[in-house]
Amino acid sequence: MHPIYLLENPFIPAHVTYTWALCIALIVVAFVATRKLSVYPGRLQNVTEVIIGGFDNLLNEIMGPHGRKFFPLIATLGLFIFFSNFMGAFAGMKSPTSDINTTVALALVVFFSTHVVGIKTHGFQYIKQFLGPVWWLAPLMLPIEIVSHLSRPLSLAFRLFGNIKGGDLVLIILLVLVPLIVPMPIMALKLFVYIVQTFVFVLLSMMYIAGAMEEAH
C-alpha cells in the first residue's frame, strides 16, 4: 500500500516537496541563529556553534588546513543528509534520502566537485592519477581507475538510500505489528543509523576531494 504523506502533492513527488521544506527550514534556522550573535550565546547559538565546530574539526583532521575552503560544501551536505534522514522518523513524513533520486543527486555533487577540484589543483596533470605509477601500466590502470571513480557515486547513493529506506520500512512494519513495545528502542537505533550514515557520506566525500588534491605518485 502506498503510504500517505502530510505534504503529498499529486503533481510533485513527495521527496521533492520534503526536500524544499527542509531547505527552507534550515535557511530560517540559520538566519535566526546568526541574526544576533552574542558573546554570551543563547541555546540556539550554542547548538549552532557546536555543530559548526564539529564539522570544522572533522575537516581539519581529514583534509588539513587546506580543507577549510570546502567547509560550506561539507557542512551543507552533512546538515541536509542528517535532517533528511531524521524527517522519516515522524509519522506522515518522508525522508528525502529514502528516495534514490535524492541520494543520486547528492552523490553526483560530490563526484563532480571531486574532479573539478582535481583539475583546478593540478590542471591537465590530474590525469596522471588515472595512469598508475609507471607509464607501461597505463593501458591497464586507466580503465580500472575510471571504473573505480564511476563506482564512487553509485556506492554513495545506494548505501545512503538502502539504509534509510530499509530503516523506514522496518519502522513502519514494527509500528503496525507491535505499536506499544518496539517504537522507542527502534527509534533510538534509527537515530544512531542516521548519524552513522551522515558521517560515512561526509567522510567519504572529504576523502575523495582530498585525494583529488594530492599529487600523483
N, C-alpha and C. Protein backbone atom coordinates (compact mmCIF):
# COMPACT_ATOMS: atom_id res chain seq x y z
N MET A 1 0.85 -1.19 0.00
CA MET A 1 0.00 0.00 0.00
C MET A 1 0.88 1.24 0.00
N HIS A 2 0.54 2.21 -0.80
CA HIS A 2 1.31 3.45 -0.88
C HIS A 2 1.09 4.28 0.37
N PRO A 3 2.15 4.69 1.08
CA PRO A 3 1.99 5.50 2.28
C PRO A 3 1.46 6.89 1.96
N ILE A 4 0.72 7.47 2.91
CA ILE A 4 0.18 8.80 2.73
C ILE A 4 1.05 9.78 3.51
N TYR A 5 1.55 10.81 2.83
CA TYR A 5 2.42 11.79 3.47
C TYR A 5 1.67 13.11 3.64
N LEU A 6 2.03 13.83 4.70
CA LEU A 6 1.33 15.07 5.04
C LEU A 6 1.45 16.11 3.92
N LEU A 7 2.61 16.18 3.29
CA LEU A 7 2.84 17.18 2.25
C LEU A 7 2.75 16.59 0.85
N GLU A 8 2.00 15.51 0.71
CA GLU A 8 1.92 14.85 -0.59
C GLU A 8 1.14 15.71 -1.57
N ASN A 9 1.62 15.73 -2.81
CA ASN A 9 1.01 16.52 -3.88
C ASN A 9 0.93 15.64 -5.11
N PRO A 10 -0.24 15.59 -5.78
CA PRO A 10 -0.36 14.72 -6.96
C PRO A 10 0.53 15.11 -8.12
N PHE A 11 1.04 16.36 -8.11
CA PHE A 11 1.84 16.84 -9.24
C PHE A 11 3.34 16.89 -8.92
N ILE A 12 3.69 16.83 -7.64
CA ILE A 12 5.10 16.93 -7.23
C ILE A 12 5.43 15.72 -6.37
N PRO A 13 6.52 14.99 -6.70
CA PRO A 13 6.90 13.83 -5.87
C PRO A 13 7.13 14.23 -4.42
N ALA A 14 6.81 13.32 -3.50
CA ALA A 14 6.91 13.62 -2.07
C ALA A 14 8.32 14.00 -1.67
N HIS A 15 9.34 13.32 -2.25
CA HIS A 15 10.70 13.61 -1.82
C HIS A 15 11.12 15.02 -2.22
N VAL A 16 10.57 15.53 -3.34
CA VAL A 16 10.87 16.90 -3.76
C VAL A 16 10.23 17.90 -2.80
N THR A 17 8.99 17.65 -2.43
CA THR A 17 8.28 18.53 -1.51
C THR A 17 9.00 18.62 -0.17
N TYR A 18 9.40 17.46 0.35
CA TYR A 18 10.07 17.45 1.65
C TYR A 18 11.49 18.02 1.56
N THR A 19 12.12 17.88 0.41
CA THR A 19 13.44 18.49 0.22
C THR A 19 13.35 20.01 0.30
N TRP A 20 12.37 20.58 -0.39
CA TRP A 20 12.19 22.03 -0.36
C TRP A 20 11.79 22.50 1.03
N ALA A 21 10.92 21.75 1.69
CA ALA A 21 10.50 22.12 3.05
C ALA A 21 11.70 22.13 4.00
N LEU A 22 12.56 21.12 3.87
CA LEU A 22 13.74 21.05 4.73
C LEU A 22 14.71 22.19 4.42
N CYS A 23 14.93 22.48 3.15
CA CYS A 23 15.84 23.58 2.78
C CYS A 23 15.36 24.90 3.36
N ILE A 24 14.06 25.15 3.26
CA ILE A 24 13.51 26.40 3.81
C ILE A 24 13.68 26.44 5.32
N ALA A 25 13.43 25.30 5.99
CA ALA A 25 13.57 25.24 7.45
C ALA A 25 15.01 25.49 7.88
N LEU A 26 15.97 24.90 7.17
CA LEU A 26 17.39 25.09 7.52
C LEU A 26 17.82 26.54 7.29
N ILE A 27 17.34 27.16 6.23
CA ILE A 27 17.67 28.56 5.96
C ILE A 27 17.12 29.47 7.06
N VAL A 28 15.87 29.21 7.47
CA VAL A 28 15.25 30.02 8.52
C VAL A 28 16.01 29.86 9.84
N VAL A 29 16.33 28.62 10.20
CA VAL A 29 17.06 28.38 11.45
C VAL A 29 18.44 29.04 11.41
N ALA A 30 19.12 28.93 10.28
CA ALA A 30 20.44 29.56 10.16
C ALA A 30 20.34 31.08 10.29
N PHE A 31 19.30 31.66 9.70
CA PHE A 31 19.12 33.11 9.80
C PHE A 31 18.84 33.54 11.23
N VAL A 32 17.97 32.80 11.90
CA VAL A 32 17.61 33.16 13.29
C VAL A 32 18.82 32.98 14.21
N ALA A 33 19.59 31.91 13.99
CA ALA A 33 20.73 31.61 14.87
C ALA A 33 21.85 32.63 14.71
N THR A 34 21.98 33.23 13.53
CA THR A 34 23.10 34.15 13.29
C THR A 34 22.66 35.61 13.22
N ARG A 35 21.39 35.87 13.41
CA ARG A 35 20.89 37.24 13.29
C ARG A 35 21.44 38.14 14.39
N LYS A 36 21.52 37.63 15.59
CA LYS A 36 22.02 38.40 16.73
C LYS A 36 23.06 37.59 17.48
N LEU A 37 24.27 37.53 16.93
CA LEU A 37 25.34 36.80 17.58
C LEU A 37 25.77 37.53 18.84
N SER A 38 26.05 36.74 19.88
CA SER A 38 26.38 37.33 21.17
C SER A 38 27.59 36.64 21.78
N VAL A 39 28.33 37.40 22.58
CA VAL A 39 29.46 36.80 23.32
C VAL A 39 28.94 35.78 24.31
N TYR A 40 27.74 36.02 24.82
CA TYR A 40 27.09 35.09 25.73
C TYR A 40 25.92 34.46 24.99
N PRO A 41 26.17 33.40 24.23
CA PRO A 41 25.16 32.87 23.32
C PRO A 41 23.99 32.21 24.03
N GLY A 42 22.85 32.27 23.35
CA GLY A 42 21.68 31.55 23.84
C GLY A 42 21.73 30.10 23.40
N ARG A 43 20.65 29.38 23.63
CA ARG A 43 20.64 27.95 23.35
C ARG A 43 20.83 27.65 21.87
N LEU A 44 20.10 28.38 21.02
CA LEU A 44 20.19 28.10 19.58
C LEU A 44 21.58 28.41 19.05
N GLN A 45 22.16 29.51 19.49
CA GLN A 45 23.52 29.85 19.05
C GLN A 45 24.52 28.83 19.57
N ASN A 46 24.31 28.36 20.80
CA ASN A 46 25.20 27.34 21.37
C ASN A 46 25.18 26.07 20.53
N VAL A 47 23.97 25.61 20.20
CA VAL A 47 23.82 24.39 19.41
C VAL A 47 24.46 24.57 18.04
N THR A 48 24.22 25.73 17.42
CA THR A 48 24.79 26.01 16.10
C THR A 48 26.30 26.01 16.15
N GLU A 49 26.88 26.62 17.18
CA GLU A 49 28.33 26.68 17.29
C GLU A 49 28.94 25.29 17.50
N VAL A 50 28.26 24.45 18.26
CA VAL A 50 28.74 23.08 18.47
C VAL A 50 28.75 22.31 17.15
N ILE A 51 27.67 22.44 16.37
CA ILE A 51 27.58 21.74 15.09
C ILE A 51 28.65 22.24 14.12
N ILE A 52 28.77 23.56 14.00
CA ILE A 52 29.76 24.15 13.09
C ILE A 52 31.17 23.77 13.53
N GLY A 53 31.43 23.82 14.83
CA GLY A 53 32.74 23.43 15.35
C GLY A 53 33.06 21.97 15.08
N GLY A 54 32.04 21.11 15.16
CA GLY A 54 32.25 19.70 14.87
C GLY A 54 32.66 19.47 13.43
N PHE A 55 31.97 20.13 12.51
CA PHE A 55 32.35 19.99 11.09
C PHE A 55 33.74 20.56 10.83
N ASP A 56 34.05 21.68 11.47
CA ASP A 56 35.36 22.31 11.27
C ASP A 56 36.48 21.40 11.76
N ASN A 57 36.29 20.79 12.93
CA ASN A 57 37.30 19.87 13.46
C ASN A 57 37.47 18.65 12.56
N LEU A 58 36.36 18.13 12.06
CA LEU A 58 36.42 16.96 11.19
C LEU A 58 37.16 17.28 9.89
N LEU A 59 36.89 18.45 9.34
CA LEU A 59 37.58 18.88 8.12
C LEU A 59 39.08 19.00 8.36
N ASN A 60 39.47 19.59 9.47
CA ASN A 60 40.89 19.77 9.77
C ASN A 60 41.59 18.42 9.95
N GLU A 61 40.91 17.47 10.57
CA GLU A 61 41.51 16.15 10.80
C GLU A 61 41.66 15.35 9.52
N ILE A 62 40.68 15.43 8.64
CA ILE A 62 40.69 14.61 7.43
C ILE A 62 41.43 15.28 6.29
N MET A 63 41.22 16.57 6.10
CA MET A 63 41.74 17.26 4.93
C MET A 63 42.85 18.25 5.25
N GLY A 64 43.07 18.53 6.53
CA GLY A 64 44.09 19.50 6.89
C GLY A 64 43.59 20.93 6.71
N PRO A 65 44.47 21.90 6.92
CA PRO A 65 44.05 23.31 6.82
C PRO A 65 43.55 23.70 5.43
N HIS A 66 44.01 23.01 4.38
CA HIS A 66 43.54 23.33 3.03
C HIS A 66 42.09 22.93 2.81
N GLY A 67 41.58 22.07 3.69
CA GLY A 67 40.21 21.61 3.52
C GLY A 67 39.16 22.60 3.98
N ARG A 68 39.59 23.65 4.69
CA ARG A 68 38.62 24.59 5.23
C ARG A 68 37.81 25.29 4.14
N LYS A 69 38.39 25.46 2.96
CA LYS A 69 37.65 26.13 1.88
C LYS A 69 36.49 25.28 1.38
N PHE A 70 36.47 24.00 1.75
CA PHE A 70 35.35 23.13 1.36
C PHE A 70 34.31 23.02 2.47
N PHE A 71 34.49 23.83 3.52
CA PHE A 71 33.56 23.78 4.65
C PHE A 71 32.10 23.99 4.22
N PRO A 72 31.78 25.01 3.39
CA PRO A 72 30.36 25.19 3.01
C PRO A 72 29.76 23.95 2.35
N LEU A 73 30.52 23.29 1.48
CA LEU A 73 30.01 22.09 0.81
C LEU A 73 29.79 20.96 1.80
N ILE A 74 30.81 20.67 2.62
CA ILE A 74 30.73 19.52 3.52
C ILE A 74 29.68 19.73 4.61
N ALA A 75 29.65 20.94 5.18
CA ALA A 75 28.67 21.22 6.23
C ALA A 75 27.24 21.17 5.69
N THR A 76 27.05 21.70 4.48
CA THR A 76 25.72 21.68 3.88
C THR A 76 25.27 20.25 3.61
N LEU A 77 26.16 19.44 3.06
CA LEU A 77 25.83 18.03 2.83
C LEU A 77 25.48 17.33 4.14
N GLY A 78 26.31 17.54 5.17
CA GLY A 78 26.08 16.87 6.44
C GLY A 78 24.76 17.25 7.08
N LEU A 79 24.48 18.55 7.14
CA LEU A 79 23.23 19.01 7.75
C LEU A 79 22.02 18.54 6.96
N PHE A 80 22.09 18.66 5.64
CA PHE A 80 20.95 18.25 4.82
C PHE A 80 20.69 16.76 4.95
N ILE A 81 21.74 15.95 4.90
CA ILE A 81 21.55 14.49 4.96
C ILE A 81 21.01 14.07 6.32
N PHE A 82 21.57 14.61 7.40
CA PHE A 82 21.11 14.19 8.73
C PHE A 82 19.64 14.54 8.94
N PHE A 83 19.27 15.78 8.65
CA PHE A 83 17.88 16.18 8.90
C PHE A 83 16.92 15.55 7.89
N SER A 84 17.42 15.25 6.69
CA SER A 84 16.60 14.49 5.73
C SER A 84 16.31 13.10 6.28
N ASN A 85 17.35 12.46 6.80
CA ASN A 85 17.15 11.15 7.41
C ASN A 85 16.14 11.22 8.55
N PHE A 86 16.30 12.24 9.38
CA PHE A 86 15.51 12.35 10.61
C PHE A 86 14.03 12.61 10.33
N MET A 87 13.71 13.22 9.20
CA MET A 87 12.31 13.52 8.89
C MET A 87 11.47 12.26 8.83
N GLY A 88 12.07 11.16 8.38
CA GLY A 88 11.32 9.91 8.25
C GLY A 88 10.93 9.29 9.57
N ALA A 89 11.48 9.80 10.67
CA ALA A 89 11.14 9.25 11.98
C ALA A 89 9.77 9.70 12.47
N PHE A 90 9.19 10.68 11.80
CA PHE A 90 7.89 11.21 12.21
C PHE A 90 6.79 10.66 11.31
N ALA A 91 5.71 10.28 11.93
CA ALA A 91 4.59 9.71 11.19
C ALA A 91 4.04 10.70 10.17
N GLY A 92 3.80 10.23 8.98
CA GLY A 92 3.25 11.07 7.92
C GLY A 92 4.27 11.89 7.18
N MET A 93 5.57 11.69 7.50
CA MET A 93 6.62 12.45 6.83
C MET A 93 7.55 11.48 6.10
N LYS A 94 8.20 11.98 5.06
CA LYS A 94 9.07 11.14 4.24
C LYS A 94 10.49 11.67 4.29
N SER A 95 11.45 10.76 4.45
CA SER A 95 12.86 11.13 4.37
C SER A 95 13.22 11.38 2.91
N PRO A 96 13.66 12.56 2.53
CA PRO A 96 14.10 12.76 1.15
C PRO A 96 15.19 11.78 0.75
N THR A 97 16.02 11.39 1.72
CA THR A 97 17.11 10.45 1.42
C THR A 97 16.64 9.00 1.31
N SER A 98 15.35 8.75 1.53
CA SER A 98 14.82 7.41 1.29
C SER A 98 14.38 7.25 -0.15
N ASP A 99 14.64 8.26 -0.97
CA ASP A 99 14.35 8.21 -2.41
C ASP A 99 15.67 8.22 -3.17
N ILE A 100 15.84 7.31 -4.10
CA ILE A 100 17.11 7.16 -4.82
C ILE A 100 17.45 8.41 -5.62
N ASN A 101 16.46 9.17 -6.06
CA ASN A 101 16.74 10.38 -6.82
C ASN A 101 17.51 11.40 -5.99
N THR A 102 17.15 11.53 -4.72
CA THR A 102 17.84 12.48 -3.84
C THR A 102 19.27 12.05 -3.59
N THR A 103 19.47 10.78 -3.27
CA THR A 103 20.83 10.31 -2.94
C THR A 103 21.74 10.33 -4.17
N VAL A 104 21.18 10.05 -5.35
CA VAL A 104 21.99 10.14 -6.57
C VAL A 104 22.40 11.58 -6.82
N ALA A 105 21.48 12.53 -6.61
CA ALA A 105 21.81 13.94 -6.80
C ALA A 105 22.93 14.36 -5.85
N LEU A 106 22.86 13.94 -4.59
CA LEU A 106 23.91 14.27 -3.62
C LEU A 106 25.25 13.65 -4.03
N ALA A 107 25.20 12.40 -4.46
CA ALA A 107 26.44 11.72 -4.86
C ALA A 107 27.06 12.36 -6.08
N LEU A 108 26.24 12.83 -7.02
CA LEU A 108 26.77 13.49 -8.22
C LEU A 108 27.42 14.83 -7.88
N VAL A 109 26.88 15.52 -6.88
CA VAL A 109 27.50 16.77 -6.42
C VAL A 109 28.92 16.49 -5.95
N VAL A 110 29.07 15.43 -5.16
CA VAL A 110 30.40 15.05 -4.65
C VAL A 110 31.30 14.62 -5.80
N PHE A 111 30.77 13.82 -6.72
CA PHE A 111 31.55 13.30 -7.84
C PHE A 111 32.13 14.43 -8.70
N PHE A 112 31.27 15.36 -9.12
CA PHE A 112 31.73 16.45 -9.97
C PHE A 112 32.62 17.42 -9.20
N SER A 113 32.31 17.65 -7.93
CA SER A 113 33.16 18.52 -7.11
C SER A 113 34.56 17.95 -7.00
N THR A 114 34.67 16.63 -6.84
CA THR A 114 35.96 15.98 -6.71
C THR A 114 36.84 16.25 -7.93
N HIS A 115 36.27 16.04 -9.11
CA HIS A 115 37.07 16.16 -10.33
C HIS A 115 37.31 17.62 -10.72
N VAL A 116 36.38 18.49 -10.40
CA VAL A 116 36.61 19.92 -10.63
C VAL A 116 37.77 20.40 -9.76
N VAL A 117 37.79 19.97 -8.50
CA VAL A 117 38.88 20.33 -7.59
C VAL A 117 40.20 19.77 -8.10
N GLY A 118 40.19 18.51 -8.57
CA GLY A 118 41.41 17.90 -9.09
C GLY A 118 41.97 18.64 -10.28
N ILE A 119 41.10 19.04 -11.20
CA ILE A 119 41.54 19.76 -12.40
C ILE A 119 42.02 21.16 -12.04
N LYS A 120 41.31 21.85 -11.14
CA LYS A 120 41.73 23.18 -10.73
C LYS A 120 43.07 23.16 -9.99
N THR A 121 43.31 22.08 -9.24
CA THR A 121 44.54 21.99 -8.46
C THR A 121 45.74 21.61 -9.32
N HIS A 122 45.57 20.64 -10.23
CA HIS A 122 46.69 20.10 -10.99
C HIS A 122 46.66 20.42 -12.48
N GLY A 123 45.57 20.97 -12.95
CA GLY A 123 45.46 21.18 -14.39
C GLY A 123 45.36 19.85 -15.12
N PHE A 124 45.93 19.76 -16.31
CA PHE A 124 45.86 18.52 -17.07
C PHE A 124 46.74 17.42 -16.48
N GLN A 125 47.60 17.79 -15.52
CA GLN A 125 48.41 16.78 -14.83
C GLN A 125 47.56 15.87 -13.96
N TYR A 126 46.31 16.28 -13.72
CA TYR A 126 45.40 15.48 -12.89
C TYR A 126 45.20 14.08 -13.47
N ILE A 127 45.32 13.96 -14.79
CA ILE A 127 45.09 12.66 -15.42
C ILE A 127 46.13 11.64 -15.00
N LYS A 128 47.28 12.10 -14.49
CA LYS A 128 48.31 11.16 -14.03
C LYS A 128 47.80 10.25 -12.92
N GLN A 129 46.82 10.73 -12.16
CA GLN A 129 46.28 9.91 -11.09
C GLN A 129 45.55 8.67 -11.63
N PHE A 130 45.21 8.70 -12.91
CA PHE A 130 44.49 7.59 -13.51
C PHE A 130 45.42 6.63 -14.27
N LEU A 131 46.70 6.95 -14.35
CA LEU A 131 47.59 6.20 -15.23
C LEU A 131 48.53 5.24 -14.50
N GLY A 132 48.50 5.23 -13.19
CA GLY A 132 49.35 4.30 -12.46
C GLY A 132 50.75 4.83 -12.22
N PRO A 133 51.57 4.08 -11.49
CA PRO A 133 52.91 4.56 -11.09
C PRO A 133 53.94 4.58 -12.22
N VAL A 134 53.78 3.73 -13.24
CA VAL A 134 54.74 3.68 -14.35
C VAL A 134 53.98 3.71 -15.67
N TRP A 135 54.62 4.25 -16.71
CA TRP A 135 53.91 4.50 -17.96
C TRP A 135 53.39 3.25 -18.64
N TRP A 136 54.15 2.12 -18.51
CA TRP A 136 53.73 0.93 -19.22
C TRP A 136 52.52 0.23 -18.58
N LEU A 137 52.13 0.68 -17.36
CA LEU A 137 50.92 0.16 -16.74
C LEU A 137 49.67 0.97 -17.09
N ALA A 138 49.86 2.10 -17.79
CA ALA A 138 48.75 3.00 -18.08
C ALA A 138 47.58 2.32 -18.80
N PRO A 139 47.82 1.48 -19.84
CA PRO A 139 46.68 0.84 -20.52
C PRO A 139 45.84 -0.05 -19.59
N LEU A 140 46.47 -0.60 -18.56
CA LEU A 140 45.74 -1.43 -17.61
C LEU A 140 45.10 -0.57 -16.53
N MET A 141 45.83 0.42 -16.01
CA MET A 141 45.36 1.20 -14.88
C MET A 141 44.25 2.17 -15.26
N LEU A 142 44.29 2.73 -16.47
CA LEU A 142 43.29 3.73 -16.86
C LEU A 142 41.85 3.20 -16.77
N PRO A 143 41.52 2.06 -17.39
CA PRO A 143 40.13 1.58 -17.26
C PRO A 143 39.77 1.19 -15.83
N ILE A 144 40.75 0.66 -15.08
CA ILE A 144 40.48 0.31 -13.68
C ILE A 144 40.14 1.55 -12.87
N GLU A 145 40.93 2.61 -13.07
CA GLU A 145 40.70 3.85 -12.33
C GLU A 145 39.38 4.50 -12.73
N ILE A 146 39.04 4.44 -14.01
CA ILE A 146 37.78 5.03 -14.47
C ILE A 146 36.60 4.31 -13.83
N VAL A 147 36.64 2.97 -13.83
CA VAL A 147 35.57 2.20 -13.20
C VAL A 147 35.51 2.49 -11.70
N SER A 148 36.69 2.60 -11.08
CA SER A 148 36.75 2.89 -9.65
C SER A 148 36.10 4.23 -9.32
N HIS A 149 36.40 5.24 -10.11
CA HIS A 149 35.83 6.57 -9.86
C HIS A 149 34.34 6.61 -10.18
N LEU A 150 33.91 5.90 -11.21
CA LEU A 150 32.49 5.87 -11.53
C LEU A 150 31.68 5.12 -10.48
N SER A 151 32.33 4.18 -9.81
CA SER A 151 31.62 3.41 -8.77
C SER A 151 31.40 4.22 -7.49
N ARG A 152 32.15 5.29 -7.33
CA ARG A 152 32.03 6.08 -6.10
C ARG A 152 30.65 6.70 -5.93
N PRO A 153 30.11 7.42 -6.92
CA PRO A 153 28.76 7.97 -6.72
C PRO A 153 27.70 6.89 -6.56
N LEU A 154 27.88 5.76 -7.25
CA LEU A 154 26.93 4.66 -7.08
C LEU A 154 26.96 4.13 -5.65
N SER A 155 28.16 3.97 -5.12
CA SER A 155 28.31 3.50 -3.74
C SER A 155 27.72 4.48 -2.75
N LEU A 156 28.02 5.77 -2.91
CA LEU A 156 27.48 6.78 -2.01
C LEU A 156 25.96 6.80 -2.06
N ALA A 157 25.41 6.79 -3.27
CA ALA A 157 23.96 6.91 -3.44
C ALA A 157 23.22 5.70 -2.89
N PHE A 158 23.64 4.49 -3.27
CA PHE A 158 22.90 3.30 -2.89
C PHE A 158 23.09 2.93 -1.42
N ARG A 159 24.26 3.25 -0.85
CA ARG A 159 24.45 2.99 0.58
C ARG A 159 23.50 3.83 1.41
N LEU A 160 23.44 5.12 1.12
CA LEU A 160 22.57 6.01 1.89
C LEU A 160 21.10 5.67 1.65
N PHE A 161 20.73 5.49 0.40
CA PHE A 161 19.34 5.15 0.07
C PHE A 161 18.91 3.84 0.72
N GLY A 162 19.74 2.81 0.61
CA GLY A 162 19.37 1.49 1.14
C GLY A 162 19.18 1.50 2.64
N ASN A 163 20.08 2.15 3.36
CA ASN A 163 19.98 2.17 4.82
C ASN A 163 18.78 2.97 5.31
N ILE A 164 18.53 4.12 4.70
CA ILE A 164 17.42 4.95 5.16
C ILE A 164 16.07 4.35 4.74
N LYS A 165 15.98 3.90 3.50
CA LYS A 165 14.73 3.29 3.03
C LYS A 165 14.42 2.03 3.82
N GLY A 166 15.43 1.18 4.02
CA GLY A 166 15.23 -0.04 4.79
C GLY A 166 14.81 0.25 6.21
N GLY A 167 15.44 1.25 6.84
CA GLY A 167 15.08 1.60 8.21
C GLY A 167 13.65 2.11 8.31
N ASP A 168 13.23 2.93 7.34
CA ASP A 168 11.86 3.43 7.36
C ASP A 168 10.84 2.30 7.21
N LEU A 169 11.13 1.35 6.33
CA LEU A 169 10.21 0.23 6.13
C LEU A 169 10.12 -0.64 7.38
N VAL A 170 11.26 -0.89 8.01
CA VAL A 170 11.26 -1.69 9.24
C VAL A 170 10.44 -1.01 10.33
N LEU A 171 10.62 0.31 10.47
CA LEU A 171 9.87 1.04 11.49
C LEU A 171 8.38 0.98 11.23
N ILE A 172 7.97 1.14 9.97
CA ILE A 172 6.54 1.09 9.63
C ILE A 172 5.96 -0.28 9.96
N ILE A 173 6.68 -1.33 9.59
CA ILE A 173 6.19 -2.69 9.84
C ILE A 173 6.06 -2.96 11.34
N LEU A 174 7.08 -2.56 12.11
CA LEU A 174 7.05 -2.82 13.55
C LEU A 174 5.98 -1.98 14.24
N LEU A 175 5.75 -0.77 13.77
CA LEU A 175 4.69 0.06 14.35
C LEU A 175 3.32 -0.56 14.13
N VAL A 176 3.15 -1.23 13.00
CA VAL A 176 1.88 -1.89 12.71
C VAL A 176 1.71 -3.15 13.56
N LEU A 177 2.80 -3.92 13.72
CA LEU A 177 2.72 -5.20 14.42
C LEU A 177 2.69 -5.04 15.93
N VAL A 178 3.61 -4.24 16.47
CA VAL A 178 3.70 -4.08 17.93
C VAL A 178 3.87 -2.59 18.26
N PRO A 179 2.84 -1.82 18.14
CA PRO A 179 2.96 -0.37 18.28
C PRO A 179 3.30 0.12 19.68
N LEU A 180 3.07 -0.68 20.71
CA LEU A 180 3.25 -0.20 22.08
C LEU A 180 4.59 -0.60 22.70
N ILE A 181 5.32 -1.51 22.07
CA ILE A 181 6.52 -2.06 22.71
C ILE A 181 7.80 -1.64 21.98
N VAL A 182 7.80 -1.78 20.68
CA VAL A 182 9.03 -1.66 19.91
C VAL A 182 9.47 -0.23 19.59
N PRO A 183 8.56 0.73 19.37
CA PRO A 183 8.97 2.01 18.80
C PRO A 183 10.16 2.70 19.46
N MET A 184 10.23 2.77 20.80
CA MET A 184 11.29 3.54 21.44
C MET A 184 12.69 2.96 21.16
N PRO A 185 12.91 1.63 21.38
CA PRO A 185 14.24 1.10 21.04
C PRO A 185 14.58 1.23 19.56
N ILE A 186 13.60 1.04 18.70
CA ILE A 186 13.84 1.15 17.26
C ILE A 186 14.16 2.59 16.90
N MET A 187 13.48 3.55 17.52
CA MET A 187 13.75 4.94 17.25
C MET A 187 15.18 5.31 17.66
N ALA A 188 15.63 4.77 18.80
CA ALA A 188 17.00 5.03 19.24
C ALA A 188 18.00 4.44 18.25
N LEU A 189 17.70 3.24 17.77
CA LEU A 189 18.58 2.60 16.78
C LEU A 189 18.59 3.38 15.47
N LYS A 190 17.44 3.87 15.06
CA LYS A 190 17.36 4.63 13.81
C LYS A 190 18.14 5.94 13.93
N LEU A 191 18.07 6.59 15.09
CA LEU A 191 18.83 7.82 15.28
C LEU A 191 20.33 7.55 15.14
N PHE A 192 20.77 6.41 15.67
CA PHE A 192 22.17 6.02 15.53
C PHE A 192 22.52 5.79 14.06
N VAL A 193 21.62 5.14 13.33
CA VAL A 193 21.84 4.89 11.89
C VAL A 193 21.90 6.22 11.13
N TYR A 194 21.02 7.16 11.49
CA TYR A 194 21.03 8.47 10.82
C TYR A 194 22.39 9.14 10.98
N ILE A 195 22.92 9.11 12.20
CA ILE A 195 24.21 9.76 12.48
C ILE A 195 25.33 9.05 11.72
N VAL A 196 25.33 7.71 11.78
CA VAL A 196 26.39 6.94 11.13
C VAL A 196 26.38 7.17 9.62
N GLN A 197 25.21 7.11 9.00
CA GLN A 197 25.13 7.27 7.55
C GLN A 197 25.52 8.67 7.11
N THR A 198 25.17 9.67 7.91
CA THR A 198 25.62 11.04 7.61
C THR A 198 27.13 11.13 7.69
N PHE A 199 27.69 10.56 8.76
CA PHE A 199 29.14 10.60 8.96
C PHE A 199 29.87 9.88 7.82
N VAL A 200 29.37 8.71 7.42
CA VAL A 200 30.02 7.94 6.35
C VAL A 200 30.01 8.72 5.04
N PHE A 201 28.86 9.30 4.70
CA PHE A 201 28.76 10.05 3.44
C PHE A 201 29.71 11.24 3.45
N VAL A 202 29.72 11.99 4.54
CA VAL A 202 30.57 13.18 4.64
C VAL A 202 32.04 12.79 4.66
N LEU A 203 32.37 11.73 5.40
CA LEU A 203 33.76 11.29 5.49
C LEU A 203 34.29 10.85 4.13
N LEU A 204 33.53 10.06 3.41
CA LEU A 204 33.96 9.62 2.08
C LEU A 204 34.07 10.80 1.12
N SER A 205 33.16 11.75 1.22
CA SER A 205 33.22 12.93 0.37
C SER A 205 34.52 13.69 0.60
N MET A 206 34.90 13.87 1.86
CA MET A 206 36.14 14.57 2.18
C MET A 206 37.36 13.80 1.68
N MET A 207 37.32 12.48 1.82
CA MET A 207 38.45 11.66 1.38
C MET A 207 38.60 11.72 -0.14
N TYR A 208 37.49 11.70 -0.87
CA TYR A 208 37.57 11.78 -2.33
C TYR A 208 38.15 13.12 -2.77
N ILE A 209 37.67 14.21 -2.16
CA ILE A 209 38.16 15.53 -2.55
C ILE A 209 39.63 15.69 -2.15
N ALA A 210 39.99 15.21 -0.95
CA ALA A 210 41.39 15.30 -0.52
C ALA A 210 42.28 14.48 -1.45
N GLY A 211 41.81 13.33 -1.90
CA GLY A 211 42.59 12.51 -2.82
C GLY A 211 42.80 13.20 -4.16
N ALA A 212 41.79 13.97 -4.61
CA ALA A 212 41.93 14.68 -5.87
C ALA A 212 42.95 15.80 -5.79
N MET A 213 43.17 16.32 -4.58
CA MET A 213 44.14 17.42 -4.41
C MET A 213 45.57 16.91 -4.25
N GLU A 214 45.74 15.63 -3.96
CA GLU A 214 47.09 15.10 -3.76
C GLU A 214 47.83 14.96 -5.08
N GLU A 215 49.14 15.02 -4.98
CA GLU A 215 49.97 14.81 -6.17
C GLU A 215 49.96 13.33 -6.55
N ALA A 216 49.93 13.03 -7.85
CA ALA A 216 50.02 11.65 -8.32
C ALA A 216 51.43 11.12 -8.08
N HIS A 217 51.51 9.88 -7.61
CA HIS A 217 52.81 9.25 -7.33
C HIS A 217 52.98 8.02 -8.22
